[in-house]
Amino acid sequence: MNPYTIPNDQIQAAAVLLRSGETVAFPTETVYGLGADASNPLAVQKIFEIKGRPLYHPLIVHIATTAQLSTWAQNIPDDAWRLATAFWPGPLTLILQRSSKVPNEVTGGQDTVGLRVPDHPIATALLHAFDGGIAAPSANRFGQVSPTTAQHVHDKLGSKVGMLLDGGPCRIGVESTIVSLTHSQSVLLRPGGLSIEAIENTINKKVLLTQAATPKVRASGTLDSHYAPTTPIEIHPADELWHRAHQLAKLGYKVAVLKISDGSKYINSSGIKCFQMPLLADEYGHDLYATLHRIDHINFDRLLAETPPATQEWIAINDRLRRAAHSGHS
């Protein structure tokens, strides 16, 4: 028996909580979400209060099936239907023109809404039991490392959440890919668990990597500073990584190093502890947030990450590390 199977009575209890205007944290294939009834403005406001999230920063609405897309969006282009048919349930969020059902609190006052169908049995069961849209950003404090286990949620949010459904470690470990389809062009707003190549092959056209040609759309997880561990993080190429690590160690700092390339001779040098990360991008993504949580728990003074490859499959990893290292993170 799957140790992370949730009994149906717990799913039903969570659905009741959502209908009563409370919050429920639940697993998806990407990260854990902090959910509330997307049609209830007061419930949605609780998400912002718990996370310390700016009210202008929009949320993603999770739905049970592709058929519910037209309930939450209008003027849906053909490309959106093609992508939904191909990749839902899965780690893809579509930004579309919102329907009248979507409250301003969900969209940050914009006329667009982010929608996705998650690919996790517990999320699916909860969405069917609730029979509505669940607005759910990551279940953490705003701007910090996303949770990929129930323990991460408990550690950061504790009793502030109405209910926490434990579905074990998330399968993908980085957030969904966000694509805007609101202005006749497909624009990547956030790289994530689905590759740009897969999207382009499905709609048979290029996805723009910038919003320069279209009106600016705000989307979840796209601020310059985001996904940040408590431990200050720097990113360095492999040939600079160890010089910087030893420089900090000599100053008395306790240094953690995320390395991809071989650096075995440096493991656990004085004041330095190495964390060997996977060589494959999807495996690195799966391990990244859990490793950052672990490093924060150990209380290092500095975290140095080796610059990942600049190839297409690493785009989401590079995005998360860059935002995590951005100065002035919360």
Protein backbone atom coordinates (compact mmCIF):
# COMPACT_ATOMS: atom_id res chain seq x y z
CA MET A 1 0.00 0.00 0.00
CA ASN A 2 1.22 3.50 -0.85
CA PRO A 3 2.24 5.03 2.52
CA TYR A 4 1.07 8.42 1.25
CA THR A 5 -2.46 7.39 0.30
CA ILE A 6 -4.95 9.76 1.88
CA PRO A 7 -8.17 8.15 3.18
CA ASN A 8 -11.29 9.44 1.45
CA ASP A 9 -12.70 10.80 4.70
CA GLN A 10 -9.69 13.13 4.96
CA ILE A 11 -10.20 14.28 1.37
CA GLN A 12 -13.87 14.95 2.13
CA ALA A 13 -12.93 16.81 5.33
CA ALA A 14 -10.49 18.97 3.37
CA ALA A 15 -13.21 19.75 0.81
CA VAL A 16 -15.57 20.77 3.62
CA LEU A 17 -12.89 23.10 5.02
CA LEU A 18 -12.42 24.70 1.60
CA ARG A 19 -16.17 25.22 1.22
CA SER A 20 -16.23 26.87 4.66
CA GLY A 21 -13.63 29.41 3.58
CA GLU A 22 -10.57 27.82 5.23
CA THR A 23 -7.20 26.88 3.72
CA VAL A 24 -5.82 23.44 2.88
CA ALA A 25 -2.21 22.65 1.96
CA PHE A 26 -1.94 19.80 -0.54
CA PRO A 27 0.65 18.12 -2.76
CA THR A 28 0.96 18.48 -6.51
CA GLU A 29 3.53 16.95 -8.85
CA THR A 30 5.51 20.22 -8.72
CA VAL A 31 5.41 21.63 -5.16
CA TYR A 32 2.93 21.78 -2.26
CA GLY A 33 0.19 24.38 -2.67
CA LEU A 34 -1.66 26.49 -0.11
CA GLY A 35 -5.23 26.26 -1.33
CA ALA A 36 -8.46 28.18 -0.84
CA ASP A 37 -11.79 28.44 -2.66
CA ALA A 38 -10.91 30.48 -5.75
CA SER A 39 -14.45 31.90 -5.96
CA ASN A 40 -14.43 33.16 -2.34
CA PRO A 41 -12.57 36.51 -1.98
CA LEU A 42 -12.37 36.26 1.82
CA ALA A 43 -10.89 32.76 1.63
CA VAL A 44 -8.38 33.89 -1.00
CA GLN A 45 -7.33 36.79 1.25
CA LYS A 46 -6.29 34.24 3.89
CA ILE A 47 -3.67 32.90 1.49
CA PHE A 48 -2.09 36.32 1.23
CA GLU A 49 -2.19 36.81 5.01
CA ILE A 50 -0.62 33.41 5.78
CA LYS A 51 2.12 33.79 3.17
CA GLY A 52 2.81 37.48 3.67
CA ARG A 53 2.21 37.79 -0.07
CA PRO A 54 1.69 41.17 -1.81
CA LEU A 55 -1.94 41.57 -2.88
CA TYR A 56 -0.90 42.52 -6.44
CA HIS A 57 0.86 39.17 -6.99
CA PRO A 58 -1.65 36.86 -8.74
CA LEU A 59 -2.49 33.28 -7.85
CA ILE A 60 -2.88 30.16 -9.99
CA VAL A 61 -6.29 28.47 -10.00
CA HIS A 62 -6.16 24.67 -9.98
CA ILE A 63 -9.03 22.83 -11.68
CA ALA A 64 -9.92 19.15 -11.92
CA THR A 65 -10.29 18.74 -15.69
CA THR A 66 -9.68 20.52 -18.98
CA ALA A 67 -13.47 20.73 -19.42
CA GLN A 68 -13.58 23.30 -16.59
CA LEU A 69 -11.30 25.70 -18.48
CA SER A 70 -14.20 27.64 -19.97
CA THR A 71 -15.69 28.19 -16.50
CA TRP A 72 -12.68 30.25 -15.42
CA ALA A 73 -11.52 31.77 -18.73
CA GLN A 74 -13.09 33.32 -21.81
CA ASN A 75 -12.06 33.98 -25.41
CA ILE A 76 -9.86 30.90 -25.16
CA PRO A 77 -7.57 30.54 -28.21
CA ASP A 78 -7.17 27.26 -30.04
CA ASP A 79 -3.56 26.98 -28.89
CA ALA A 80 -4.74 26.92 -25.27
CA TRP A 81 -7.04 23.99 -25.98
CA ARG A 82 -4.22 22.18 -27.81
CA LEU A 83 -1.83 22.65 -24.89
CA ALA A 84 -4.44 21.69 -22.29
CA THR A 85 -5.34 18.55 -24.23
CA ALA A 86 -1.67 17.59 -24.63
CA PHE A 87 -0.29 18.40 -21.17
CA TRP A 88 -3.09 18.45 -18.59
CA PRO A 89 -2.94 17.08 -16.04
CA GLY A 90 0.65 18.30 -15.78
CA PRO A 91 3.11 21.07 -14.89
CA LEU A 92 1.76 23.73 -17.28
CA THR A 93 -0.06 26.93 -16.29
CA LEU A 94 -1.93 28.85 -18.98
CA ILE A 95 -2.51 32.59 -18.63
CA LEU A 96 -5.84 33.45 -20.28
CA GLN A 97 -8.49 36.14 -20.22
CA ARG A 98 -10.43 35.67 -17.01
CA SER A 99 -14.14 34.97 -16.85
CA SER A 100 -16.56 36.87 -14.63
CA LYS A 101 -16.32 34.02 -12.09
CA VAL A 102 -12.74 34.97 -11.10
CA PRO A 103 -12.46 37.49 -8.23
CA ASN A 104 -10.00 40.39 -8.39
CA GLU A 105 -8.27 38.94 -5.33
CA VAL A 106 -7.08 35.96 -7.41
CA THR A 107 -5.70 37.98 -10.31
CA GLY A 108 -4.14 40.94 -8.53
CA GLY A 109 -6.64 43.14 -10.36
CA GLN A 110 -5.57 41.97 -13.84
CA ASP A 111 -7.96 40.83 -16.56
CA THR A 112 -6.05 37.55 -16.87
CA VAL A 113 -5.99 34.37 -14.81
CA GLY A 114 -3.52 31.47 -14.48
CA LEU A 115 -5.05 27.99 -14.72
CA ARG A 116 -3.75 24.45 -14.52
CA VAL A 117 -4.78 20.84 -13.87
CA PRO A 118 -2.29 19.27 -11.44
CA ASP A 119 -0.99 15.72 -11.94
CA HIS A 120 -1.15 14.25 -8.45
CA PRO A 121 -3.73 11.74 -7.18
CA ILE A 122 -4.34 13.64 -3.93
CA ALA A 123 -4.75 16.98 -5.70
CA THR A 124 -7.07 15.33 -8.22
CA ALA A 125 -9.17 13.69 -5.49
CA LEU A 126 -9.42 16.97 -3.58
CA LEU A 127 -10.44 18.97 -6.67
CA HIS A 128 -13.16 16.43 -7.56
CA ALA A 129 -14.44 16.31 -3.98
CA PHE A 130 -14.46 20.11 -3.71
CA ASP A 131 -16.01 20.50 -7.18
CA GLY A 132 -14.58 23.95 -7.81
CA GLY A 133 -11.41 25.89 -8.49
CA ILE A 134 -8.71 26.01 -5.83
CA ALA A 135 -6.44 29.06 -5.82
CA ALA A 136 -3.07 27.78 -4.63
CA PRO A 137 0.39 29.33 -4.65
CA SER A 138 3.25 27.42 -3.03
CA ALA A 139 2.64 26.64 0.65
CA ASN A 140 5.45 28.75 2.10
CA ARG A 141 6.26 32.27 3.21
CA PHE A 142 6.32 34.62 0.23
CA GLY A 143 9.61 34.72 -1.67
CA GLN A 144 11.13 31.77 0.16
CA VAL A 145 12.00 28.24 -0.97
CA SER A 146 8.97 26.28 -2.14
CA PRO A 147 7.98 23.16 -0.15
CA THR A 148 8.32 19.73 -1.73
CA THR A 149 7.32 17.72 1.36
CA ALA A 150 4.59 18.10 3.99
CA GLN A 151 7.32 18.61 6.59
CA HIS A 152 8.54 21.70 4.71
CA VAL A 153 5.01 23.13 4.90
CA HIS A 154 4.71 22.34 8.60
CA ASP A 155 8.11 23.85 9.37
CA LYS A 156 7.32 27.17 7.65
CA LEU A 157 3.58 27.65 8.15
CA GLY A 158 2.76 25.43 11.13
CA SER A 159 -0.75 25.80 12.52
CA LYS A 160 -1.65 28.72 10.25
CA VAL A 161 -2.98 26.25 7.67
CA GLY A 162 -6.45 24.81 8.20
CA MET A 163 -5.39 21.30 7.11
CA LEU A 164 -2.30 19.67 5.62
CA LEU A 165 -2.56 16.65 3.33
CA ASP A 166 0.67 14.64 3.25
CA GLY A 167 1.33 13.17 -0.18
CA GLY A 168 5.03 12.48 0.25
CA PRO A 169 7.82 14.16 -1.75
CA CYS A 170 6.75 15.97 -4.93
CA ARG A 171 7.69 14.14 -8.11
CA ILE A 172 9.02 17.09 -10.15
CA GLY A 173 10.14 19.52 -7.45
CA VAL A 174 10.06 22.83 -9.37
CA GLU A 175 6.99 24.85 -10.21
CA SER A 176 4.92 24.69 -13.38
CA THR A 177 5.85 26.33 -16.65
CA ILE A 178 3.75 29.47 -17.17
CA VAL A 179 2.77 30.52 -20.70
CA SER A 180 0.63 33.56 -21.56
CA LEU A 181 -1.75 33.17 -24.51
CA THR A 182 -3.64 36.44 -24.15
CA HIS A 183 -2.31 38.59 -27.00
CA SER A 184 -2.19 36.31 -30.08
CA GLN A 185 1.36 35.30 -29.16
CA SER A 186 2.62 32.61 -26.81
CA VAL A 187 4.95 34.12 -24.22
CA LEU A 188 6.96 32.23 -21.60
CA LEU A 189 6.50 33.94 -18.23
CA ARG A 190 8.22 31.28 -16.10
CA PRO A 191 10.15 28.16 -17.13
CA GLY A 192 9.27 25.07 -15.14
CA GLY A 193 8.40 21.41 -15.21
CA LEU A 194 7.39 21.33 -18.90
CA SER A 195 9.94 22.17 -21.59
CA ILE A 196 9.51 25.04 -24.04
CA GLU A 197 10.34 22.63 -26.88
CA ALA A 198 7.36 20.42 -25.99
CA ILE A 199 5.06 23.45 -26.02
CA GLU A 200 6.40 24.71 -29.36
CA ASN A 201 6.06 21.28 -30.96
CA THR A 202 2.42 21.10 -29.86
CA ILE A 203 1.30 24.52 -31.15
CA ASN A 204 3.74 24.47 -34.09
CA LYS A 205 5.06 27.97 -33.41
CA LYS A 206 7.77 29.67 -31.38
CA VAL A 207 7.20 30.69 -27.78
CA LEU A 208 8.54 34.16 -27.09
CA LEU A 209 10.98 34.35 -24.20
CA THR A 210 10.23 37.98 -23.43
CA GLN A 211 7.16 40.13 -22.93
CA ALA A 212 8.70 43.02 -24.88
CA ALA A 213 6.23 42.62 -27.74
CA THR A 214 3.12 42.35 -25.55
CA PRO A 215 1.54 44.19 -22.62
CA LYS A 216 3.20 43.20 -19.36
CA VAL A 217 1.45 40.36 -17.53
CA ARG A 218 2.13 39.66 -13.87
CA ALA A 219 2.32 35.98 -12.99
CA SER A 220 3.07 33.85 -9.96
CA GLY A 221 6.75 33.36 -9.10
CA THR A 222 8.16 35.85 -11.59
CA LEU A 223 9.57 38.57 -9.36
CA ASP A 224 13.32 39.22 -9.58
CA SER A 225 13.75 37.85 -6.06
CA HIS A 226 11.98 34.57 -5.35
CA TYR A 227 12.56 30.95 -4.22
CA ALA A 228 15.20 32.23 -1.80
CA PRO A 229 16.66 30.17 1.05
CA THR A 230 17.35 31.87 4.37
CA THR A 231 21.06 31.22 3.75
CA PRO A 232 22.50 33.89 1.41
CA ILE A 233 23.30 32.27 -1.93
CA GLU A 234 25.90 33.03 -4.60
CA ILE A 235 26.30 31.39 -8.02
CA HIS A 236 29.77 30.79 -9.46
CA PRO A 237 31.31 28.84 -12.38
CA ALA A 238 33.12 25.67 -11.35
CA ASP A 239 36.58 27.22 -11.79
CA GLU A 240 35.70 30.05 -9.37
CA LEU A 241 33.57 28.09 -6.92
CA TRP A 242 36.30 26.63 -4.72
CA HIS A 243 38.34 29.83 -4.57
CA ARG A 244 35.27 31.65 -3.26
CA ALA A 245 34.42 28.83 -0.85
CA HIS A 246 37.89 28.84 0.70
CA GLN A 247 37.92 32.65 0.79
CA LEU A 248 34.72 32.63 2.87
CA ALA A 249 35.89 29.73 5.05
CA LYS A 250 39.09 31.62 5.93
CA LEU A 251 36.89 34.50 7.11
CA GLY A 252 35.21 32.11 9.52
CA TYR A 253 32.02 31.46 7.54
CA LYS A 254 30.34 28.06 7.54
CA VAL A 255 29.94 27.39 3.82
CA ALA A 256 27.67 24.99 1.93
CA VAL A 257 28.49 24.20 -1.70
CA LEU A 258 26.08 22.82 -4.32
CA LYS A 259 28.32 21.20 -6.91
CA ILE A 260 27.61 19.38 -10.14
CA SER A 261 31.12 18.72 -11.45
CA ASP A 262 33.70 16.61 -9.67
CA GLY A 263 35.13 18.25 -6.59
CA SER A 264 35.59 15.25 -4.37
CA LYS A 265 38.95 16.37 -3.02
CA TYR A 266 37.27 19.43 -1.51
CA ILE A 267 34.52 17.58 0.31
CA ASN A 268 34.20 18.67 3.92
CA SER A 269 37.29 20.86 3.90
CA SER A 270 37.57 23.03 6.98
CA GLY A 271 34.42 25.15 7.19
CA ILE A 272 33.07 23.80 3.88
CA LYS A 273 30.45 21.09 3.32
CA CYS A 274 29.67 19.88 -0.20
CA PHE A 275 26.31 18.73 -1.51
CA GLN A 276 26.68 16.74 -4.72
CA MET A 277 23.80 17.55 -7.05
CA PRO A 278 22.59 15.32 -9.91
CA LEU A 279 24.06 15.65 -13.38
CA LEU A 280 20.65 15.49 -15.07
CA ALA A 281 18.43 18.59 -15.04
CA ASP A 282 15.19 16.86 -14.06
CA GLU A 283 16.89 15.04 -11.18
CA TYR A 284 18.59 18.28 -10.08
CA GLY A 285 15.20 20.00 -10.10
CA HIS A 286 13.67 17.23 -8.03
CA ASP A 287 16.40 17.60 -5.38
CA LEU A 288 16.95 21.38 -5.42
CA TYR A 289 14.36 22.72 -2.97
CA ALA A 290 14.73 19.80 -0.57
CA THR A 291 18.48 20.45 -0.48
CA LEU A 292 17.97 24.18 0.12
CA HIS A 293 15.60 23.40 3.01
CA ARG A 294 18.18 21.01 4.46
CA ILE A 295 20.94 23.62 4.21
CA ASP A 296 18.76 26.22 5.95
CA HIS A 297 18.02 23.71 8.70
CA ILE A 298 21.73 23.13 9.33
CA ASN A 299 22.31 26.89 9.61
CA PHE A 300 25.15 27.63 7.21
CA ASP A 301 26.39 31.21 6.82
CA ARG A 302 26.76 31.12 3.04
CA LEU A 303 25.61 28.90 0.17
CA LEU A 304 27.59 28.69 -3.06
CA ALA A 305 26.02 27.04 -6.10
CA GLU A 306 27.93 25.91 -9.17
CA THR A 307 26.55 27.54 -12.31
CA PRO A 308 24.45 24.91 -14.14
CA PRO A 309 24.83 24.29 -17.88
CA ALA A 310 23.25 26.94 -20.13
CA THR A 311 21.37 24.41 -22.26
CA GLN A 312 17.60 24.38 -22.78
CA GLU A 313 16.85 21.59 -20.32
CA TRP A 314 18.46 23.60 -17.52
CA ILE A 315 16.50 26.81 -18.10
CA ALA A 316 14.16 26.32 -15.12
CA ILE A 317 17.04 25.49 -12.76
CA ASN A 318 19.00 28.55 -13.86
CA ASP A 319 15.88 30.67 -13.42
CA ARG A 320 15.28 29.46 -9.84
CA LEU A 321 18.91 29.89 -8.78
CA ARG A 322 19.12 33.37 -10.31
CA ARG A 323 16.00 34.55 -8.48
CA ALA A 324 17.11 32.89 -5.23
CA ALA A 325 20.42 34.72 -5.39
CA HIS A 326 18.92 38.11 -6.24
CA SER A 327 19.99 40.75 -3.73
CA GLY A 328 17.45 41.94 -1.22
CA HIS A 329 15.43 38.70 -1.13
CA SER A 330 12.82 38.32 1.58
